[in-house]
N, C-alpha and C. Protein backbone atom coordinates (compact mmCIF):
# COMPACT_ATOMS: atom_id res chain seq x y z
N UNK A 1 112.42 119.90 103.82
CA UNK A 1 112.89 118.77 103.08
C UNK A 1 112.18 117.56 103.76
N UNK A 2 111.93 116.55 102.90
CA UNK A 2 111.27 115.25 103.33
C UNK A 2 112.32 114.14 103.02
N UNK A 3 112.40 113.23 104.05
CA UNK A 3 113.31 112.09 103.93
C UNK A 3 112.49 110.76 104.00
N UNK A 4 112.42 110.11 102.87
CA UNK A 4 111.64 108.75 102.91
C UNK A 4 112.51 107.77 103.68
N UNK A 5 111.79 107.12 104.68
CA UNK A 5 112.60 106.19 105.53
C UNK A 5 112.06 104.75 105.46
N UNK A 6 110.88 104.53 104.98
CA UNK A 6 110.39 103.16 104.94
C UNK A 6 109.18 103.09 103.96
N UNK A 7 109.04 101.88 103.49
CA UNK A 7 107.96 101.65 102.46
C UNK A 7 106.92 100.53 103.10
N UNK A 8 105.72 100.85 102.84
CA UNK A 8 104.62 99.93 103.24
C UNK A 8 103.81 99.52 101.98
N UNK A 9 103.95 98.29 101.58
CA UNK A 9 103.24 97.92 100.38
C UNK A 9 101.97 97.14 100.75
N UNK A 10 100.96 97.26 99.82
CA UNK A 10 99.70 96.53 100.09
C UNK A 10 99.89 95.03 99.89
N UNK A 11 99.21 94.25 100.73
CA UNK A 11 99.35 92.79 100.59
C UNK A 11 98.64 92.14 99.39
N UNK A 12 97.58 92.81 98.93
CA UNK A 12 96.77 92.20 97.85
C UNK A 12 97.57 92.42 96.60
N UNK A 13 97.75 91.31 95.70
CA UNK A 13 98.61 91.43 94.51
C UNK A 13 98.13 92.49 93.56
N UNK A 14 96.85 92.85 93.50
CA UNK A 14 96.37 93.77 92.51
C UNK A 14 96.74 95.24 93.01
N UNK A 15 97.04 95.35 94.29
CA UNK A 15 97.30 96.71 94.76
C UNK A 15 98.79 96.94 95.19
N UNK A 16 99.69 96.09 94.63
CA UNK A 16 101.08 96.29 95.00
C UNK A 16 101.67 97.58 94.51
N UNK A 17 101.06 98.19 93.48
CA UNK A 17 101.66 99.43 93.05
C UNK A 17 101.09 100.57 93.93
N UNK A 18 100.24 100.27 94.83
CA UNK A 18 99.61 101.26 95.68
C UNK A 18 100.28 101.25 97.02
N UNK A 19 101.69 101.58 97.05
CA UNK A 19 102.31 101.57 98.25
C UNK A 19 102.36 102.86 98.98
N UNK A 20 102.75 102.87 100.30
CA UNK A 20 102.80 104.13 101.01
C UNK A 20 104.27 104.32 101.46
N UNK A 21 104.60 105.61 101.62
CA UNK A 21 106.01 105.91 101.99
C UNK A 21 105.86 106.69 103.34
N UNK A 22 106.66 106.21 104.26
CA UNK A 22 106.81 106.93 105.60
C UNK A 22 107.99 107.78 105.43
N UNK A 23 107.84 108.91 106.03
CA UNK A 23 108.96 109.96 105.85
C UNK A 23 109.06 110.82 107.17
N UNK A 24 110.19 111.53 107.16
CA UNK A 24 110.53 112.51 108.21
C UNK A 24 110.54 113.80 107.48
N UNK A 25 109.95 114.86 108.09
CA UNK A 25 110.00 116.21 107.64
C UNK A 25 111.12 116.84 108.40
N UNK A 26 112.04 117.47 107.73
CA UNK A 26 113.20 118.13 108.33
C UNK A 26 113.31 119.58 108.00
N UNK A 27 113.56 120.38 109.06
CA UNK A 27 113.64 121.84 108.88
C UNK A 27 114.96 122.19 108.38
N UNK A 28 115.14 123.54 108.17
CA UNK A 28 116.40 124.05 107.64
C UNK A 28 117.66 123.87 108.52
N UNK A 29 117.41 123.60 109.81
CA UNK A 29 118.46 123.27 110.76
C UNK A 29 118.88 121.81 110.88
N UNK A 30 118.07 120.95 110.08
CA UNK A 30 118.37 119.53 110.08
C UNK A 30 117.65 118.74 111.22
N UNK A 31 116.68 119.42 111.75
CA UNK A 31 115.98 118.73 112.91
C UNK A 31 114.62 118.16 112.37
N UNK A 32 114.30 117.04 112.90
CA UNK A 32 113.12 116.35 112.47
C UNK A 32 111.92 117.10 113.19
N UNK A 33 110.93 117.58 112.38
CA UNK A 33 109.82 118.28 112.97
C UNK A 33 108.53 117.60 112.77
N UNK A 34 108.49 116.47 111.98
CA UNK A 34 107.31 115.68 111.79
C UNK A 34 107.57 114.31 111.19
N UNK A 35 106.71 113.38 111.44
CA UNK A 35 106.69 112.11 110.79
C UNK A 35 105.37 111.99 110.11
N UNK A 36 105.43 111.39 108.91
CA UNK A 36 104.23 111.27 108.13
C UNK A 36 104.20 110.09 107.17
N UNK A 37 103.09 109.92 106.49
CA UNK A 37 102.88 108.86 105.56
C UNK A 37 102.22 109.50 104.32
N UNK A 38 102.75 109.14 103.21
CA UNK A 38 102.12 109.64 101.93
C UNK A 38 101.98 108.47 100.95
N UNK A 39 100.89 108.47 100.26
CA UNK A 39 100.76 107.49 99.10
C UNK A 39 101.64 107.82 98.03
N UNK A 40 101.88 106.86 97.12
CA UNK A 40 102.72 107.11 95.97
C UNK A 40 102.17 108.41 95.23
N UNK A 41 100.90 108.41 95.00
CA UNK A 41 100.24 109.57 94.27
C UNK A 41 100.62 110.85 94.99
N UNK A 42 100.39 110.90 96.29
CA UNK A 42 100.59 112.22 97.05
C UNK A 42 102.09 112.65 97.04
N UNK A 43 103.03 111.59 97.09
CA UNK A 43 104.45 111.91 96.93
C UNK A 43 104.74 112.50 95.55
N UNK A 44 104.24 111.93 94.49
CA UNK A 44 104.48 112.49 93.13
C UNK A 44 103.85 113.89 93.08
N UNK A 45 102.69 114.13 93.61
CA UNK A 45 102.12 115.45 93.59
C UNK A 45 102.90 116.45 94.31
N UNK A 46 103.52 116.02 95.51
CA UNK A 46 104.42 116.89 96.27
C UNK A 46 105.59 117.30 95.45
N UNK A 47 106.23 116.24 94.68
CA UNK A 47 107.34 116.45 93.97
C UNK A 47 107.00 117.52 92.85
N UNK A 48 106.04 117.40 92.11
CA UNK A 48 105.59 118.27 91.04
C UNK A 48 105.39 119.67 91.60
N UNK A 49 104.66 119.80 92.75
CA UNK A 49 104.50 121.11 93.35
C UNK A 49 105.79 121.81 93.69
N UNK A 50 106.68 121.06 94.31
CA UNK A 50 107.96 121.70 94.62
C UNK A 50 108.76 122.06 93.32
N UNK A 51 108.76 121.19 92.34
CA UNK A 51 109.42 121.56 91.02
C UNK A 51 108.85 122.79 90.56
N UNK A 52 107.54 123.05 90.53
CA UNK A 52 106.96 124.20 90.05
C UNK A 52 107.41 125.50 90.83
N UNK A 53 107.62 125.26 92.12
CA UNK A 53 107.95 126.39 92.96
C UNK A 53 109.49 126.81 92.95
N UNK A 54 110.36 125.65 93.02
CA UNK A 54 111.79 125.92 93.19
C UNK A 54 112.60 125.36 92.12
N UNK A 55 112.06 124.46 91.25
CA UNK A 55 112.93 123.92 90.13
C UNK A 55 113.73 122.65 90.52
N UNK A 56 113.49 122.16 91.79
CA UNK A 56 114.22 120.99 92.23
C UNK A 56 113.38 120.17 93.17
N UNK A 57 113.90 119.03 93.45
CA UNK A 57 113.23 118.13 94.38
C UNK A 57 113.40 118.46 95.88
N UNK A 58 112.45 118.26 96.68
CA UNK A 58 112.57 118.49 98.16
C UNK A 58 112.43 117.12 98.89
N UNK A 59 112.58 116.08 98.11
CA UNK A 59 112.44 114.73 98.67
C UNK A 59 113.84 114.01 98.57
N UNK A 60 114.15 113.24 99.51
CA UNK A 60 115.30 112.25 99.48
C UNK A 60 114.95 111.03 100.08
N UNK A 61 115.70 109.97 99.78
CA UNK A 61 115.47 108.66 100.29
C UNK A 61 116.66 108.12 100.94
N UNK A 62 116.54 107.45 102.10
CA UNK A 62 117.65 106.79 102.72
C UNK A 62 117.44 105.30 102.59
N UNK A 63 118.13 104.77 101.57
CA UNK A 63 117.95 103.39 101.22
C UNK A 63 118.75 102.43 102.05
N UNK A 64 118.37 101.14 102.02
CA UNK A 64 119.07 100.12 102.70
C UNK A 64 120.53 100.08 102.25
N UNK A 65 121.41 99.70 103.18
CA UNK A 65 122.84 99.52 102.82
C UNK A 65 123.54 100.71 102.16
N UNK A 66 122.95 101.95 102.58
CA UNK A 66 123.56 103.20 101.99
C UNK A 66 123.91 104.03 103.26
N UNK A 67 124.97 104.87 103.12
CA UNK A 67 125.36 105.71 104.21
C UNK A 67 124.87 107.12 103.96
N UNK A 68 124.33 107.39 102.70
CA UNK A 68 123.93 108.77 102.35
C UNK A 68 122.53 108.69 101.63
N UNK A 69 121.75 109.66 101.89
CA UNK A 69 120.40 109.74 101.17
C UNK A 69 120.65 110.21 99.84
N UNK A 70 119.70 109.97 98.93
CA UNK A 70 119.80 110.42 97.57
C UNK A 70 118.45 111.09 97.12
N UNK A 71 118.53 112.06 96.18
CA UNK A 71 117.38 112.76 95.87
C UNK A 71 116.32 111.88 95.21
N UNK A 72 115.13 112.07 95.40
CA UNK A 72 114.01 111.41 94.64
C UNK A 72 113.60 112.39 93.55
N UNK A 73 113.57 111.95 92.30
CA UNK A 73 113.24 112.72 91.19
C UNK A 73 112.02 112.20 90.52
N UNK A 74 111.37 113.05 89.71
CA UNK A 74 110.11 112.66 88.98
C UNK A 74 110.43 111.40 88.12
N UNK A 75 111.53 111.36 87.40
CA UNK A 75 111.73 110.12 86.53
C UNK A 75 111.84 108.78 87.37
N UNK A 76 111.97 108.80 88.62
CA UNK A 76 112.06 107.58 89.37
C UNK A 76 110.61 106.89 89.35
N UNK A 77 109.57 107.62 88.98
CA UNK A 77 108.27 106.99 88.97
C UNK A 77 107.86 106.45 87.67
N UNK A 78 108.78 106.38 86.65
CA UNK A 78 108.48 105.87 85.28
C UNK A 78 108.16 104.38 85.43
N UNK A 79 108.84 103.70 86.35
CA UNK A 79 108.63 102.25 86.48
C UNK A 79 107.23 101.99 86.92
N UNK A 80 106.93 100.61 86.79
CA UNK A 80 105.57 100.21 87.10
C UNK A 80 105.36 99.77 88.56
N UNK A 81 106.35 99.37 89.26
CA UNK A 81 106.08 99.02 90.64
C UNK A 81 107.21 99.39 91.58
N UNK A 82 106.94 99.29 92.81
CA UNK A 82 107.92 99.70 93.84
C UNK A 82 109.27 99.06 93.71
N UNK A 83 109.30 97.75 93.36
CA UNK A 83 110.54 97.09 93.27
C UNK A 83 111.40 97.34 92.05
N UNK A 84 110.82 97.96 91.07
CA UNK A 84 111.55 98.45 89.89
C UNK A 84 111.97 99.89 90.15
N UNK A 85 111.41 100.57 91.02
CA UNK A 85 111.65 101.98 91.31
C UNK A 85 113.09 102.11 91.84
N UNK A 86 113.84 103.14 91.54
CA UNK A 86 115.23 103.22 91.94
C UNK A 86 115.44 103.54 93.42
N UNK A 87 114.26 103.96 94.14
CA UNK A 87 114.45 104.21 95.54
C UNK A 87 113.60 103.24 96.43
N UNK A 88 112.40 103.06 96.09
CA UNK A 88 111.48 102.50 97.11
C UNK A 88 111.62 101.02 97.19
N UNK A 89 112.14 100.37 96.19
CA UNK A 89 112.50 98.93 96.31
C UNK A 89 113.67 98.68 97.20
N UNK A 90 114.43 99.73 97.45
CA UNK A 90 115.55 99.65 98.29
C UNK A 90 115.35 100.35 99.67
N UNK A 91 114.13 100.82 99.98
CA UNK A 91 113.84 101.42 101.29
C UNK A 91 113.53 100.17 102.20
N UNK A 92 113.75 100.37 103.48
CA UNK A 92 113.35 99.33 104.47
C UNK A 92 111.88 99.31 104.49
N UNK A 93 111.37 98.10 104.86
CA UNK A 93 110.02 98.02 105.15
C UNK A 93 109.67 98.70 106.44
N UNK A 94 108.43 98.86 106.81
CA UNK A 94 108.15 99.47 108.10
C UNK A 94 108.57 98.64 109.25
N UNK A 95 108.58 97.38 109.18
CA UNK A 95 108.95 96.52 110.32
C UNK A 95 110.56 96.62 110.40
N UNK A 96 111.20 96.66 109.22
CA UNK A 96 112.70 96.66 109.26
C UNK A 96 113.13 98.02 109.91
N UNK A 97 112.44 99.10 109.57
CA UNK A 97 112.73 100.42 110.18
C UNK A 97 112.52 100.38 111.68
N UNK A 98 111.40 99.79 112.02
CA UNK A 98 111.11 99.63 113.49
C UNK A 98 112.23 98.89 114.12
N UNK A 99 112.79 97.81 113.54
CA UNK A 99 113.86 97.10 114.04
C UNK A 99 115.11 98.04 114.40
N UNK A 100 115.36 98.98 113.45
CA UNK A 100 116.49 99.89 113.55
C UNK A 100 116.18 100.86 114.79
N UNK A 101 114.94 101.37 114.99
CA UNK A 101 114.58 102.13 116.11
C UNK A 101 114.71 101.34 117.40
N UNK A 102 114.37 100.16 117.37
CA UNK A 102 114.46 99.27 118.59
C UNK A 102 115.92 99.13 118.97
N UNK A 103 116.79 98.93 117.98
CA UNK A 103 118.14 98.76 118.21
C UNK A 103 118.79 100.09 118.84
N UNK A 104 118.28 101.22 118.39
CA UNK A 104 118.81 102.48 118.97
C UNK A 104 118.13 102.80 120.26
N UNK A 105 117.19 101.88 120.80
CA UNK A 105 116.49 102.17 122.05
C UNK A 105 115.88 103.57 122.05
N UNK A 106 115.22 103.81 120.95
CA UNK A 106 114.59 105.13 120.84
C UNK A 106 113.27 105.33 121.47
N UNK A 107 112.64 104.26 121.87
CA UNK A 107 111.26 104.23 122.43
C UNK A 107 110.25 104.94 121.54
N UNK A 108 110.45 104.78 120.21
CA UNK A 108 109.45 105.21 119.29
C UNK A 108 108.89 104.02 118.62
N UNK A 109 107.66 104.08 118.25
CA UNK A 109 107.15 102.99 117.50
C UNK A 109 106.25 103.43 116.33
N UNK A 110 106.62 102.89 115.14
CA UNK A 110 106.00 103.20 113.91
C UNK A 110 104.96 102.12 113.60
N UNK A 111 103.75 102.31 113.41
CA UNK A 111 102.74 101.30 113.14
C UNK A 111 101.73 101.80 112.18
N UNK A 112 101.39 100.98 111.19
CA UNK A 112 100.30 101.42 110.30
C UNK A 112 98.90 101.31 111.02
N UNK A 113 98.00 102.31 110.86
CA UNK A 113 96.85 102.31 111.55
C UNK A 113 95.81 101.80 110.64
N UNK A 114 95.81 102.19 109.31
CA UNK A 114 94.81 101.71 108.41
C UNK A 114 95.40 101.17 107.11
């Protein structure tokens, strides 16, 4: 399973639909086994692939001001931009998520490289 934890949008106005999603990969025991970044396109492809294999979503989003994660579905991508999307407009930004990690004194740092 994949858990979307933060969104990173492009700064250029023409590229705002081209955002990236930071996520945790979680195994069957509920333990984090990887941290990754996917583009919107890669996430949609992952969703379609998993629907073909299992008939359901393997993605969830942990939105701001929520105590539970919610499934990410294909229909969530019908909107035109991240802020209209039912999940990603409500995900913390990368810097907001880093603030949470700092508060937890986790000594992890998430930073965009490119």
